C-alpha atoms as a PDB file:
ATOM      1  CA  GLY A   1     -39.521  51.289  18.206  1.00  0.00           C
ATOM      2  CA  SER A   2     -35.289  51.888  19.061  1.00  0.00           C
ATOM      3  CA  VAL A   3     -36.241  49.188  22.040  1.00  0.00           C
ATOM      4  CA  GLU A   4     -37.800  45.820  19.716  1.00  0.00           C
ATOM      5  CA  SER A   5     -34.505  46.848  17.531  1.00  0.00           C
ATOM      6  CA  ALA A   6     -31.930  46.827  21.166  1.00  0.00           C
ATOM      7  CA  GLY A   7     -33.574  43.609  21.661  1.00  0.00           C
ATOM      8  CA  ALA A   8     -33.533  42.299  18.343  1.00  0.00           C
ATOM      9  CA  SER A   9     -30.295  43.130  18.588  1.00  0.00           C
ATOM     10  CA  LEU A  10     -28.695  41.586  21.428  1.00  0.00           C
ATOM     11  CA  ASP A  11     -30.962  38.430  20.376  1.00  0.00           C
ATOM     12  CA  GLU A  12     -28.534  38.263  16.954  1.00  0.00           C
ATOM     13  CA  ALA A  13     -25.608  38.470  19.205  1.00  0.00           C
ATOM     14  CA  ALA A  14     -26.583  36.009  21.471  1.00  0.00           C
ATOM     15  CA  ARG A  15     -27.457  33.395  19.077  1.00  0.00           C
ATOM     16  CA  ALA A  16     -24.454  34.726  17.621  1.00  0.00           C
ATOM     17  CA  ALA A  17     -22.335  34.079  20.537  1.00  0.00           C
ATOM     18  CA  GLU A  18     -23.825  30.189  20.545  1.00  0.00           C
ATOM     19  CA  VAL A  19     -22.690  29.781  17.739  1.00  0.00           C
ATOM     20  CA  ALA A  20     -19.093  30.677  17.972  1.00  0.00           C
ATOM     21  CA  ALA A  21     -19.805  28.872  21.515  1.00  0.00           C
ATOM     22  CA  VAL A  22     -20.434  26.003  18.913  1.00  0.00           C
ATOM     23  CA  MET A  23     -18.398  26.233  16.261  1.00  0.00           C
ATOM     24  CA  GLU A  24     -15.228  25.903  18.993  1.00  0.00           C
ATOM     25  CA  ARG A  25     -16.756  23.290  20.257  1.00  0.00           C
ATOM     26  CA  ARG A  26     -16.433  21.330  17.169  1.00  0.00           C
ATOM     27  CA  ALA A  27     -13.075  22.477  16.231  1.00  0.00           C
ATOM     28  CA  ALA A  28     -12.041  21.463  19.388  1.00  0.00           C
ATOM     29  CA  ARG A  29     -12.692  17.904  19.500  1.00  0.00           C
ATOM     30  CA  GLN A  30     -11.358  17.030  16.324  1.00  0.00           C
ATOM     31  CA  GLU A  31      -8.945  18.030  17.084  1.00  0.00           C
ATOM     32  CA  GLU A  32      -8.395  15.789  19.839  1.00  0.00           C
ATOM     33  CA  ASP A  33     -10.135  13.270  17.418  1.00  0.00           C
ATOM     34  CA  GLU A  34      -7.072  14.763  15.204  1.00  0.00           C
ATOM     35  CA  ALA A  35      -4.542  13.498  17.854  1.00  0.00           C
ATOM     36  CA  ALA A  36      -5.455  10.650  19.206  1.00  0.00           C
ATOM     37  CA  GLN A  37      -5.431   9.230  15.804  1.00  0.00           C
ATOM     38  CA  LEU A  38      -1.885  10.166  15.394  1.00  0.00           C
ATOM     39  CA  GLN A  39      -1.067   8.657  18.393  1.00  0.00           C
ATOM     40  CA  ARG A  40      -3.475   5.836  17.610  1.00  0.00           C
ATOM     41  CA  MET A  41      -0.518   5.767  14.225  1.00  0.00           C
ATOM     42  CA  GLY A  42       2.431   6.310  16.348  1.00  0.00           C
ATOM     43  CA  LEU A  43       1.370   3.036  18.616  1.00  0.00           C
ATOM     44  CA  ASN A  44       0.833   0.801  15.612  1.00  0.00           C
ATOM     45  CA  THR A  45       3.758   2.046  13.251  1.00  0.00           C
ATOM     46  CA  ALA A  46       6.576   1.332  16.111  1.00  0.00           C
ATOM     47  CA  ILE A  47       4.986  -2.322  17.162  1.00  0.00           C
ATOM     48  CA  ALA A  48       5.192  -3.482  12.853  1.00  0.00           C
ATOM     49  CA  ILE A  49       8.783  -1.668  13.227  1.00  0.00           C
ATOM     50  CA  ALA A  50       9.190  -3.383  16.555  1.00  0.00           C
ATOM     51  CA  ILE A  51       8.404  -6.677  14.796  1.00  0.00           C
ATOM     52  CA  HIS A  52       9.767  -5.980  12.558  1.00  0.00           C
ATOM     53  CA  ASN A  53      13.468  -5.168  14.178  1.00  0.00           C
ATOM     54  CA  PHE A  54      13.426  -8.521  15.931  1.00  0.00           C
ATOM     55  CA  PRO A  55      14.315 -10.647  12.384  1.00  0.00           C
ATOM     56  CA  GLU A  56      16.980  -7.704  11.482  1.00  0.00           C
ATOM     57  CA  GLY A  57      18.601  -7.753  14.855  1.00  0.00           C
ATOM     58  CA  LEU A  58      19.050 -11.564  14.460  1.00  0.00           C
ATOM     59  CA  ALA A  59      20.357 -11.861  11.074  1.00  0.00           C
ATOM     60  CA  THR A  60      22.392  -9.159  11.581  1.00  0.00           C
ATOM     61  CA  PHE A  61      24.008 -11.321  15.045  1.00  0.00           C
ATOM     62  CA  VAL A  62      24.711 -14.686  12.709  1.00  0.00           C
ATOM     63  CA  ALA A  63      25.632 -12.677   9.794  1.00  0.00           C
ATOM     64  CA  THR A  64      28.229 -10.957  11.989  1.00  0.00           C
ATOM     65  CA  LEU A  65      29.514 -14.620  13.088  1.00  0.00           C
ATOM     66  CA  VAL A  66      29.237 -16.376  10.068  1.00  0.00           C
ATOM     67  CA  ASN A  67      31.385 -13.340   7.862  1.00  0.00           C
ATOM     68  CA  PRO A  68      32.183 -10.019  10.486  1.00  0.00           C
ATOM     69  CA  SER A  69      33.286  -8.263   8.002  1.00  0.00           C
ATOM     70  CA  VAL A  70      29.167  -9.178   6.111  1.00  0.00           C
ATOM     71  CA  GLY A  71      28.267  -8.276  10.062  1.00  0.00           C
ATOM     72  CA  ALA A  72      29.702  -4.647   9.893  1.00  0.00           C
ATOM     73  CA  THR A  73      28.310  -4.355   6.341  1.00  0.00           C
ATOM     74  CA  LEU A  74      25.181  -5.147   7.083  1.00  0.00           C
ATOM     75  CA  ALA A  75      25.318  -2.879  10.569  1.00  0.00           C
ATOM     76  CA  ILE A  76      25.886  -0.188   9.114  1.00  0.00           C
ATOM     77  CA  ALA A  77      22.960  -0.421   6.247  1.00  0.00           C
ATOM     78  CA  ILE A  78      20.494  -1.419   8.429  1.00  0.00           C
ATOM     79  CA  GLY A  79      21.292   1.237  10.366  1.00  0.00           C
ATOM     80  CA  VAL A  80      21.046   3.997   7.533  1.00  0.00           C
ATOM     81  CA  HIS A  81      17.229   3.329   7.312  1.00  0.00           C
ATOM     82  CA  ASN A  82      16.398   2.736  11.039  1.00  0.00           C
ATOM     83  CA  ILE A  83      16.801   6.268  10.893  1.00  0.00           C
ATOM     84  CA  PRO A  84      13.273   7.353   8.621  1.00  0.00           C
ATOM     85  CA  GLU A  85      11.463   4.458  10.672  1.00  0.00           C
ATOM     86  CA  GLY A  86      12.188   6.045  13.904  1.00  0.00           C
ATOM     87  CA  LEU A  87      10.981   9.746  12.402  1.00  0.00           C
ATOM     88  CA  CYS A  88       8.075   7.680  11.236  1.00  0.00           C
ATOM     89  CA  VAL A  89       6.922   6.663  14.547  1.00  0.00           C
ATOM     90  CA  ALA A  90       8.888   9.246  16.792  1.00  0.00           C
ATOM     91  CA  LEU A  91       6.390  12.163  14.567  1.00  0.00           C
ATOM     92  CA  PRO A  92       3.133  10.699  14.688  1.00  0.00           C
ATOM     93  CA  ILE A  93       3.673  10.275  18.670  1.00  0.00           C
ATOM     94  CA  TYR A  94       5.108  14.129  18.608  1.00  0.00           C
ATOM     95  CA  TYR A  95       2.237  15.660  16.837  1.00  0.00           C
ATOM     96  CA  ALA A  96      -0.583  14.090  18.999  1.00  0.00           C
ATOM     97  CA  THR A  97       1.380  14.459  22.574  1.00  0.00           C
ATOM     98  CA  GLN A  98       3.816  18.008  21.751  1.00  0.00           C
ATOM     99  CA  SER A  99       5.962  15.645  23.675  1.00  0.00           C
ATOM    100  CA  ARG A 100      10.303  15.569  22.394  1.00  0.00           C
ATOM    101  CA  MET A 101       9.816  12.257  25.190  1.00  0.00           C
ATOM    102  CA  LYS A 102       7.712  10.418  24.092  1.00  0.00           C
ATOM    103  CA  GLY A 103       8.295  10.702  20.267  1.00  0.00           C
ATOM    104  CA  PHE A 104      11.767   9.762  21.275  1.00  0.00           C
ATOM    105  CA  LEU A 105      10.808   6.680  23.638  1.00  0.00           C
ATOM    106  CA  PHE A 106       8.295   5.365  21.468  1.00  0.00           C
ATOM    107  CA  ALA A 107      10.694   5.319  18.789  1.00  0.00           C
ATOM    108  CA  LEU A 108      13.139   4.283  21.259  1.00  0.00           C
ATOM    109  CA  ILE A 109      11.510   1.222  21.689  1.00  0.00           C
ATOM    110  CA  SER A 110      10.311   0.351  18.399  1.00  0.00           C
ATOM    111  CA  GLY A 111      13.665   0.044  18.066  1.00  0.00           C
ATOM    112  CA  VAL A 112      15.279  -2.032  20.487  1.00  0.00           C
ATOM    113  CA  SER A 113      13.676  -5.428  19.350  1.00  0.00           C
ATOM    114  CA  GLU A 114      16.854  -5.805  17.023  1.00  0.00           C
ATOM    115  CA  PRO A 115      19.220  -6.112  20.622  1.00  0.00           C
ATOM    116  CA  ILE A 116      16.580  -8.205  21.762  1.00  0.00           C
ATOM    117  CA  GLY A 117      16.817 -10.246  18.646  1.00  0.00           C
ATOM    118  CA  ALA A 118      21.400 -10.849  18.617  1.00  0.00           C
ATOM    119  CA  LEU A 119      20.471 -11.559  21.852  1.00  0.00           C
ATOM    120  CA  ILE A 120      18.083 -14.409  20.460  1.00  0.00           C
ATOM    121  CA  GLY A 121      20.166 -15.710  17.935  1.00  0.00           C
ATOM    122  CA  TRP A 122      23.304 -15.867  20.810  1.00  0.00           C
ATOM    123  CA  LEU A 123      20.982 -18.058  23.457  1.00  0.00           C
ATOM    124  CA  ILE A 124      20.150 -19.957  20.588  1.00  0.00           C
ATOM    125  CA  ILE A 125      23.367 -20.714  19.095  1.00  0.00           C
ATOM    126  CA  LYS A 126      24.965 -20.853  22.918  1.00  0.00           C
ATOM    127  CA  SER A 127      22.825 -23.749  23.743  1.00  0.00           C
ATOM    128  CA  THR A 128      23.545 -25.787  20.569  1.00  0.00           C
ATOM    129  CA  GLY A 129      27.329 -26.141  22.135  1.00  0.00           C
ATOM    130  CA  ASP A 130      28.470 -25.606  18.314  1.00  0.00           C
ATOM    131  CA  ASP A 131      29.319 -22.234  17.423  1.00  0.00           C
ATOM    132  CA  MET A 132      29.638 -22.422  14.230  1.00  0.00           C
ATOM    133  CA  SER A 133      26.768 -25.460  12.930  1.00  0.00           C
ATOM    134  CA  GLN A 134      25.617 -24.719   9.785  1.00  0.00           C
ATOM    135  CA  LEU A 135      22.570 -26.675  10.219  1.00  0.00           C
ATOM    136  CA  VAL A 136      21.166 -23.749  13.520  1.00  0.00           C
ATOM    137  CA  TYR A 137      22.805 -21.505  10.996  1.00  0.00           C
ATOM    138  CA  GLY A 138      19.884 -22.875   8.597  1.00  0.00           C
ATOM    139  CA  ILE A 139      17.346 -23.435  10.536  1.00  0.00           C
ATOM    140  CA  LEU A 140      17.907 -19.037  12.004  1.00  0.00           C
ATOM    141  CA  PHE A 141      18.607 -18.126   8.587  1.00  0.00           C
ATOM    142  CA  GLY A 142      15.112 -19.543   7.674  1.00  0.00           C
ATOM    143  CA  LEU A 143      13.522 -17.720   9.999  1.00  0.00           C
ATOM    144  CA  VAL A 144      15.140 -14.432   9.616  1.00  0.00           C
ATOM    145  CA  ALA A 145      13.743 -14.727   6.298  1.00  0.00           C
ATOM    146  CA  GLY A 146      10.406 -15.918   6.709  1.00  0.00           C
ATOM    147  CA  MET A 147       9.549 -12.862   9.314  1.00  0.00           C
ATOM    148  CA  MET A 148      10.622 -10.764   6.613  1.00  0.00           C
END
């Protein structure tokens, strides 16, 4: 009797260990899936914010040329609202990768499109030869309004 009960106990222990291993693998897969989902969310947010920031840079540059005090006010307002945007990019990346540097870099890259928008606005205005062309300003503001 005691040999059979010892064998049954070993079988039960082996089954319990097997169940625990399966559950551990499932939990690990679920964590990997959640990390991949967070990373995808952070990347999609970074792309969306980069697209959103481009016309903001263009608008800030053109507004500064028209009226420097309006441009400065607009730059401050946009700068303040860029803080939560950066967090929306950085946090999912950080939680997915456990890397502060990756979170920071993704947020930085998504924000770089803003000065690129300003640079493109400057290039467009300089290429016309007339820094104060109302037609060019109207077209640029129309483009920005359509993009936003």
